[in-house]
Each structure stands twice: as structure tokens, then as C-alpha cells.
Amino acid sequence: MSDYRIIDTNADNISGCSLCGNKIPNNLGHRRKANWLKERYAEGLKYKVLRSDKFGDIGMKWFESRAPRRPGSFQRPMGCLASSTKES
């Protein structure tokens, strides 16, 4: 069994994910970011979270929601992939 998995988020599960290092769901910044992301899903946002069985959510990546700028181009990945865990 893999220790890591990629979570495809949506408006229903985003509040339970770590957002840019903020893991506290009751934190005002976390709630604001989750609400902002919920609005972006309707525009086509794709937001993925890297989750570790040992450390929890350790990274994320999102893709811009607007249409590609020219024919044949792909959506450009944006955001961060961060790891801020340490062994106890």
C-alpha cells in the first residue's frame, strides 16, 4: 500500500484539506481560502492535494481555470507544491 495519494478536491471536500500550509479548518484564513476555491470550481479550477498516511496533507497543485490562450496549448499548472513536515 502506498504511503502517498493524490486527492482530487471539489466544493464538498476542500474544507477538509490543508490549504497552502494552513491545516486548521476553523482558522479564518483557511475558511476564506476554502470559500474562494469553492467559487473557482464553477470556473473549471482543478485543485489536487498530495496526502501522506503518516504526515497528512503535504503538498498541493492547482491548474488555472481559464481556457488555453492558443489552440493546442494546455492548461498551465500553477500554485505550489510544499512540504513542511518533519519526523517526530
N, C-alpha and C. Protein backbone atom coordinates (compact mmCIF):
# COMPACT_ATOMS: atom_id res chain seq x y z
N MET A 1 0.84 -1.19 0.00
CA MET A 1 0.00 0.00 0.00
C MET A 1 0.87 1.25 0.00
N SER A 2 0.54 2.21 -0.82
CA SER A 2 1.31 3.44 -0.93
C SER A 2 1.08 4.35 0.27
N ASP A 3 2.13 5.03 0.68
CA ASP A 3 2.02 5.99 1.78
C ASP A 3 1.47 7.33 1.31
N TYR A 4 1.45 7.55 -0.01
CA TYR A 4 1.02 8.83 -0.56
C TYR A 4 -0.10 8.62 -1.57
N ARG A 5 -0.99 9.59 -1.65
CA ARG A 5 -2.04 9.55 -2.67
C ARG A 5 -2.40 10.98 -3.05
N ILE A 6 -2.90 11.12 -4.26
CA ILE A 6 -3.34 12.44 -4.74
C ILE A 6 -4.85 12.51 -4.60
N ILE A 7 -5.31 13.55 -3.94
CA ILE A 7 -6.73 13.77 -3.70
C ILE A 7 -7.24 14.79 -4.71
N ASP A 8 -8.25 14.42 -5.48
CA ASP A 8 -8.94 15.36 -6.36
C ASP A 8 -9.99 16.07 -5.51
N THR A 9 -9.82 17.36 -5.34
CA THR A 9 -10.75 18.09 -4.48
C THR A 9 -11.94 18.61 -5.27
N ASN A 10 -12.97 18.97 -4.52
CA ASN A 10 -14.16 19.60 -5.09
C ASN A 10 -14.78 20.47 -4.01
N ALA A 11 -15.89 21.12 -4.30
CA ALA A 11 -16.52 22.03 -3.35
C ALA A 11 -16.97 21.31 -2.08
N ASP A 12 -17.20 20.00 -2.16
CA ASP A 12 -17.66 19.26 -1.00
C ASP A 12 -16.54 18.84 -0.05
N ASN A 13 -15.33 18.60 -0.56
CA ASN A 13 -14.27 18.10 0.31
C ASN A 13 -13.12 19.07 0.55
N ILE A 14 -13.12 20.23 -0.08
CA ILE A 14 -11.99 21.15 0.04
C ILE A 14 -11.79 21.67 1.46
N SER A 15 -12.86 21.84 2.21
CA SER A 15 -12.73 22.38 3.57
C SER A 15 -11.95 21.46 4.49
N GLY A 16 -11.89 20.17 4.17
CA GLY A 16 -11.16 19.22 4.99
C GLY A 16 -9.71 19.05 4.59
N CYS A 17 -9.24 19.82 3.63
CA CYS A 17 -7.85 19.71 3.15
C CYS A 17 -7.00 20.85 3.68
N SER A 18 -5.70 20.61 3.75
CA SER A 18 -4.75 21.66 4.08
C SER A 18 -4.67 22.60 2.87
N LEU A 19 -4.68 23.89 3.12
CA LEU A 19 -4.64 24.88 2.04
C LEU A 19 -3.41 25.76 2.21
N CYS A 20 -2.43 25.56 1.35
CA CYS A 20 -1.19 26.34 1.36
C CYS A 20 -0.53 26.33 2.74
N GLY A 21 -0.50 25.16 3.36
CA GLY A 21 0.14 25.01 4.66
C GLY A 21 -0.76 25.27 5.85
N ASN A 22 -1.95 25.79 5.62
CA ASN A 22 -2.88 26.07 6.71
C ASN A 22 -3.76 24.84 6.90
N LYS A 23 -3.58 24.16 8.01
CA LYS A 23 -4.28 22.90 8.25
C LYS A 23 -5.42 23.02 9.26
N ILE A 24 -5.69 24.21 9.77
CA ILE A 24 -6.69 24.39 10.82
C ILE A 24 -8.01 24.85 10.20
N PRO A 25 -9.00 23.95 10.07
CA PRO A 25 -10.25 24.29 9.38
C PRO A 25 -11.02 25.45 10.00
N ASN A 26 -10.88 25.69 11.31
CA ASN A 26 -11.62 26.79 11.94
C ASN A 26 -10.91 28.14 11.82
N ASN A 27 -9.70 28.13 11.29
CA ASN A 27 -8.94 29.36 11.09
C ASN A 27 -9.63 30.23 10.04
N LEU A 28 -9.72 31.53 10.29
CA LEU A 28 -10.39 32.45 9.37
C LEU A 28 -9.76 32.41 7.97
N GLY A 29 -8.44 32.41 7.90
CA GLY A 29 -7.76 32.35 6.61
C GLY A 29 -8.08 31.07 5.84
N HIS A 30 -8.14 29.96 6.54
CA HIS A 30 -8.48 28.68 5.92
C HIS A 30 -9.90 28.72 5.37
N ARG A 31 -10.84 29.25 6.14
CA ARG A 31 -12.23 29.33 5.69
C ARG A 31 -12.36 30.25 4.47
N ARG A 32 -11.66 31.37 4.49
CA ARG A 32 -11.71 32.30 3.34
C ARG A 32 -11.14 31.64 2.09
N LYS A 33 -10.01 30.97 2.23
CA LYS A 33 -9.39 30.32 1.07
C LYS A 33 -10.30 29.21 0.54
N ALA A 34 -10.90 28.42 1.43
CA ALA A 34 -11.80 27.34 1.01
C ALA A 34 -13.01 27.91 0.28
N ASN A 35 -13.57 29.00 0.79
CA ASN A 35 -14.72 29.63 0.12
C ASN A 35 -14.33 30.18 -1.24
N TRP A 36 -13.15 30.78 -1.35
CA TRP A 36 -12.67 31.31 -2.63
C TRP A 36 -12.50 30.16 -3.63
N LEU A 37 -11.91 29.05 -3.18
CA LEU A 37 -11.72 27.89 -4.06
C LEU A 37 -13.07 27.31 -4.51
N LYS A 38 -14.03 27.26 -3.60
CA LYS A 38 -15.36 26.74 -3.95
C LYS A 38 -15.97 27.54 -5.11
N GLU A 39 -15.76 28.84 -5.11
CA GLU A 39 -16.25 29.68 -6.21
C GLU A 39 -15.49 29.39 -7.51
N ARG A 40 -14.21 29.06 -7.42
CA ARG A 40 -13.39 28.81 -8.61
C ARG A 40 -13.71 27.48 -9.28
N TYR A 41 -14.23 26.51 -8.55
CA TYR A 41 -14.57 25.22 -9.16
C TYR A 41 -15.57 25.40 -10.30
N ALA A 42 -16.52 26.32 -10.13
CA ALA A 42 -17.52 26.57 -11.17
C ALA A 42 -16.86 27.12 -12.44
N GLU A 43 -15.67 27.71 -12.29
CA GLU A 43 -14.94 28.26 -13.43
C GLU A 43 -13.98 27.24 -14.04
N GLY A 44 -13.95 26.03 -13.50
CA GLY A 44 -13.10 24.99 -14.06
C GLY A 44 -11.82 24.71 -13.30
N LEU A 45 -11.67 25.26 -12.11
CA LEU A 45 -10.46 25.04 -11.33
C LEU A 45 -10.28 23.56 -11.01
N LYS A 46 -9.04 23.10 -11.10
CA LYS A 46 -8.64 21.76 -10.68
C LYS A 46 -7.61 21.95 -9.57
N TYR A 47 -7.89 21.42 -8.38
CA TYR A 47 -7.01 21.58 -7.22
C TYR A 47 -6.75 20.19 -6.64
N LYS A 48 -5.50 19.80 -6.59
CA LYS A 48 -5.13 18.46 -6.13
C LYS A 48 -4.25 18.59 -4.89
N VAL A 49 -4.44 17.66 -3.97
CA VAL A 49 -3.69 17.66 -2.72
C VAL A 49 -2.91 16.36 -2.61
N LEU A 50 -1.64 16.45 -2.26
CA LEU A 50 -0.82 15.28 -2.00
C LEU A 50 -0.96 14.95 -0.52
N ARG A 51 -1.45 13.76 -0.23
CA ARG A 51 -1.73 13.35 1.14
C ARG A 51 -0.86 12.15 1.50
N SER A 52 -0.27 12.24 2.68
CA SER A 52 0.56 11.17 3.22
C SER A 52 -0.17 10.52 4.39
N ASP A 53 -0.13 9.19 4.46
CA ASP A 53 -0.74 8.50 5.59
C ASP A 53 -0.06 8.89 6.89
N LYS A 54 1.22 9.18 6.82
CA LYS A 54 1.99 9.49 8.03
C LYS A 54 1.92 10.97 8.43
N PHE A 55 1.95 11.88 7.43
CA PHE A 55 2.06 13.30 7.72
C PHE A 55 0.81 14.11 7.40
N GLY A 56 -0.17 13.52 6.75
CA GLY A 56 -1.37 14.28 6.36
C GLY A 56 -1.13 14.97 5.02
N ASP A 57 -1.75 16.12 4.82
CA ASP A 57 -1.61 16.86 3.56
C ASP A 57 -0.26 17.56 3.53
N ILE A 58 0.55 17.24 2.51
CA ILE A 58 1.90 17.79 2.47
C ILE A 58 2.18 18.61 1.21
N GLY A 59 1.26 18.67 0.29
CA GLY A 59 1.50 19.44 -0.91
C GLY A 59 0.21 19.67 -1.67
N MET A 60 0.23 20.62 -2.57
CA MET A 60 -0.95 20.90 -3.38
C MET A 60 -0.52 21.49 -4.71
N LYS A 61 -1.39 21.35 -5.69
CA LYS A 61 -1.14 21.91 -7.01
C LYS A 61 -2.49 22.27 -7.60
N TRP A 62 -2.58 23.44 -8.21
CA TRP A 62 -3.82 23.78 -8.88
C TRP A 62 -3.53 24.23 -10.29
N PHE A 63 -4.55 24.17 -11.11
CA PHE A 63 -4.42 24.49 -12.53
C PHE A 63 -5.34 25.64 -12.85
N GLU A 64 -4.84 26.57 -13.66
CA GLU A 64 -5.67 27.74 -13.97
C GLU A 64 -6.96 27.33 -14.64
N SER A 65 -7.98 28.09 -14.38
CA SER A 65 -9.31 27.70 -14.82
C SER A 65 -9.72 28.33 -16.14
N ARG A 66 -8.97 29.30 -16.62
CA ARG A 66 -9.39 29.91 -17.89
C ARG A 66 -8.97 29.03 -19.08
N ALA A 67 -9.60 29.27 -20.18
CA ALA A 67 -9.33 28.48 -21.39
C ALA A 67 -7.89 28.73 -21.86
N PRO A 68 -7.29 27.75 -22.52
CA PRO A 68 -5.95 27.95 -23.07
C PRO A 68 -5.90 29.18 -23.99
N ARG A 69 -4.76 29.84 -24.03
CA ARG A 69 -4.62 31.08 -24.80
C ARG A 69 -4.53 30.87 -26.30
N ARG A 70 -4.07 29.72 -26.74
CA ARG A 70 -3.97 29.47 -28.18
C ARG A 70 -4.34 28.02 -28.45
N PRO A 71 -4.81 27.73 -29.65
CA PRO A 71 -5.18 26.35 -29.99
C PRO A 71 -4.00 25.40 -29.79
N GLY A 72 -4.29 24.26 -29.20
CA GLY A 72 -3.25 23.26 -29.00
C GLY A 72 -2.45 23.43 -27.72
N SER A 73 -2.68 24.53 -26.99
CA SER A 73 -1.93 24.71 -25.75
C SER A 73 -2.67 24.02 -24.61
N PHE A 74 -1.95 23.73 -23.56
CA PHE A 74 -2.52 23.01 -22.43
C PHE A 74 -2.72 23.96 -21.26
N GLN A 75 -3.54 23.51 -20.31
CA GLN A 75 -3.68 24.30 -19.10
C GLN A 75 -2.34 24.31 -18.38
N ARG A 76 -1.99 25.45 -17.87
CA ARG A 76 -0.70 25.62 -17.22
C ARG A 76 -0.84 25.37 -15.71
N PRO A 77 -0.02 24.50 -15.13
CA PRO A 77 -0.10 24.29 -13.69
C PRO A 77 0.35 25.54 -12.94
N MET A 78 -0.32 25.83 -11.88
CA MET A 78 0.02 26.98 -11.06
C MET A 78 0.03 26.52 -9.61
N GLY A 79 0.49 27.38 -8.74
CA GLY A 79 0.42 27.09 -7.32
C GLY A 79 1.73 26.58 -6.79
N CYS A 80 1.63 25.88 -5.69
CA CYS A 80 2.84 25.44 -5.02
C CYS A 80 2.75 23.96 -4.69
N LEU A 81 3.89 23.38 -4.58
CA LEU A 81 4.00 22.03 -4.05
C LEU A 81 4.93 22.17 -2.86
N ALA A 82 4.38 22.12 -1.67
CA ALA A 82 5.15 22.42 -0.49
C ALA A 82 5.17 21.21 0.44
N SER A 83 6.26 21.04 1.10
CA SER A 83 6.37 20.00 2.12
C SER A 83 6.91 20.64 3.36
N SER A 84 6.13 20.60 4.42
CA SER A 84 6.59 21.26 5.66
C SER A 84 6.40 20.31 6.84
N THR A 85 6.74 19.07 6.63
CA THR A 85 6.59 18.09 7.70
C THR A 85 7.95 17.68 8.22
N LYS A 86 7.98 17.23 9.43
CA LYS A 86 9.23 16.69 9.96
C LYS A 86 8.93 15.46 10.79
N GLU A 87 9.86 14.60 10.83
CA GLU A 87 9.72 13.35 11.56
C GLU A 87 9.68 13.64 13.05
N SER A 88 8.79 12.96 13.81
CA SER A 88 8.76 13.16 15.26
C SER A 88 9.59 12.12 15.97
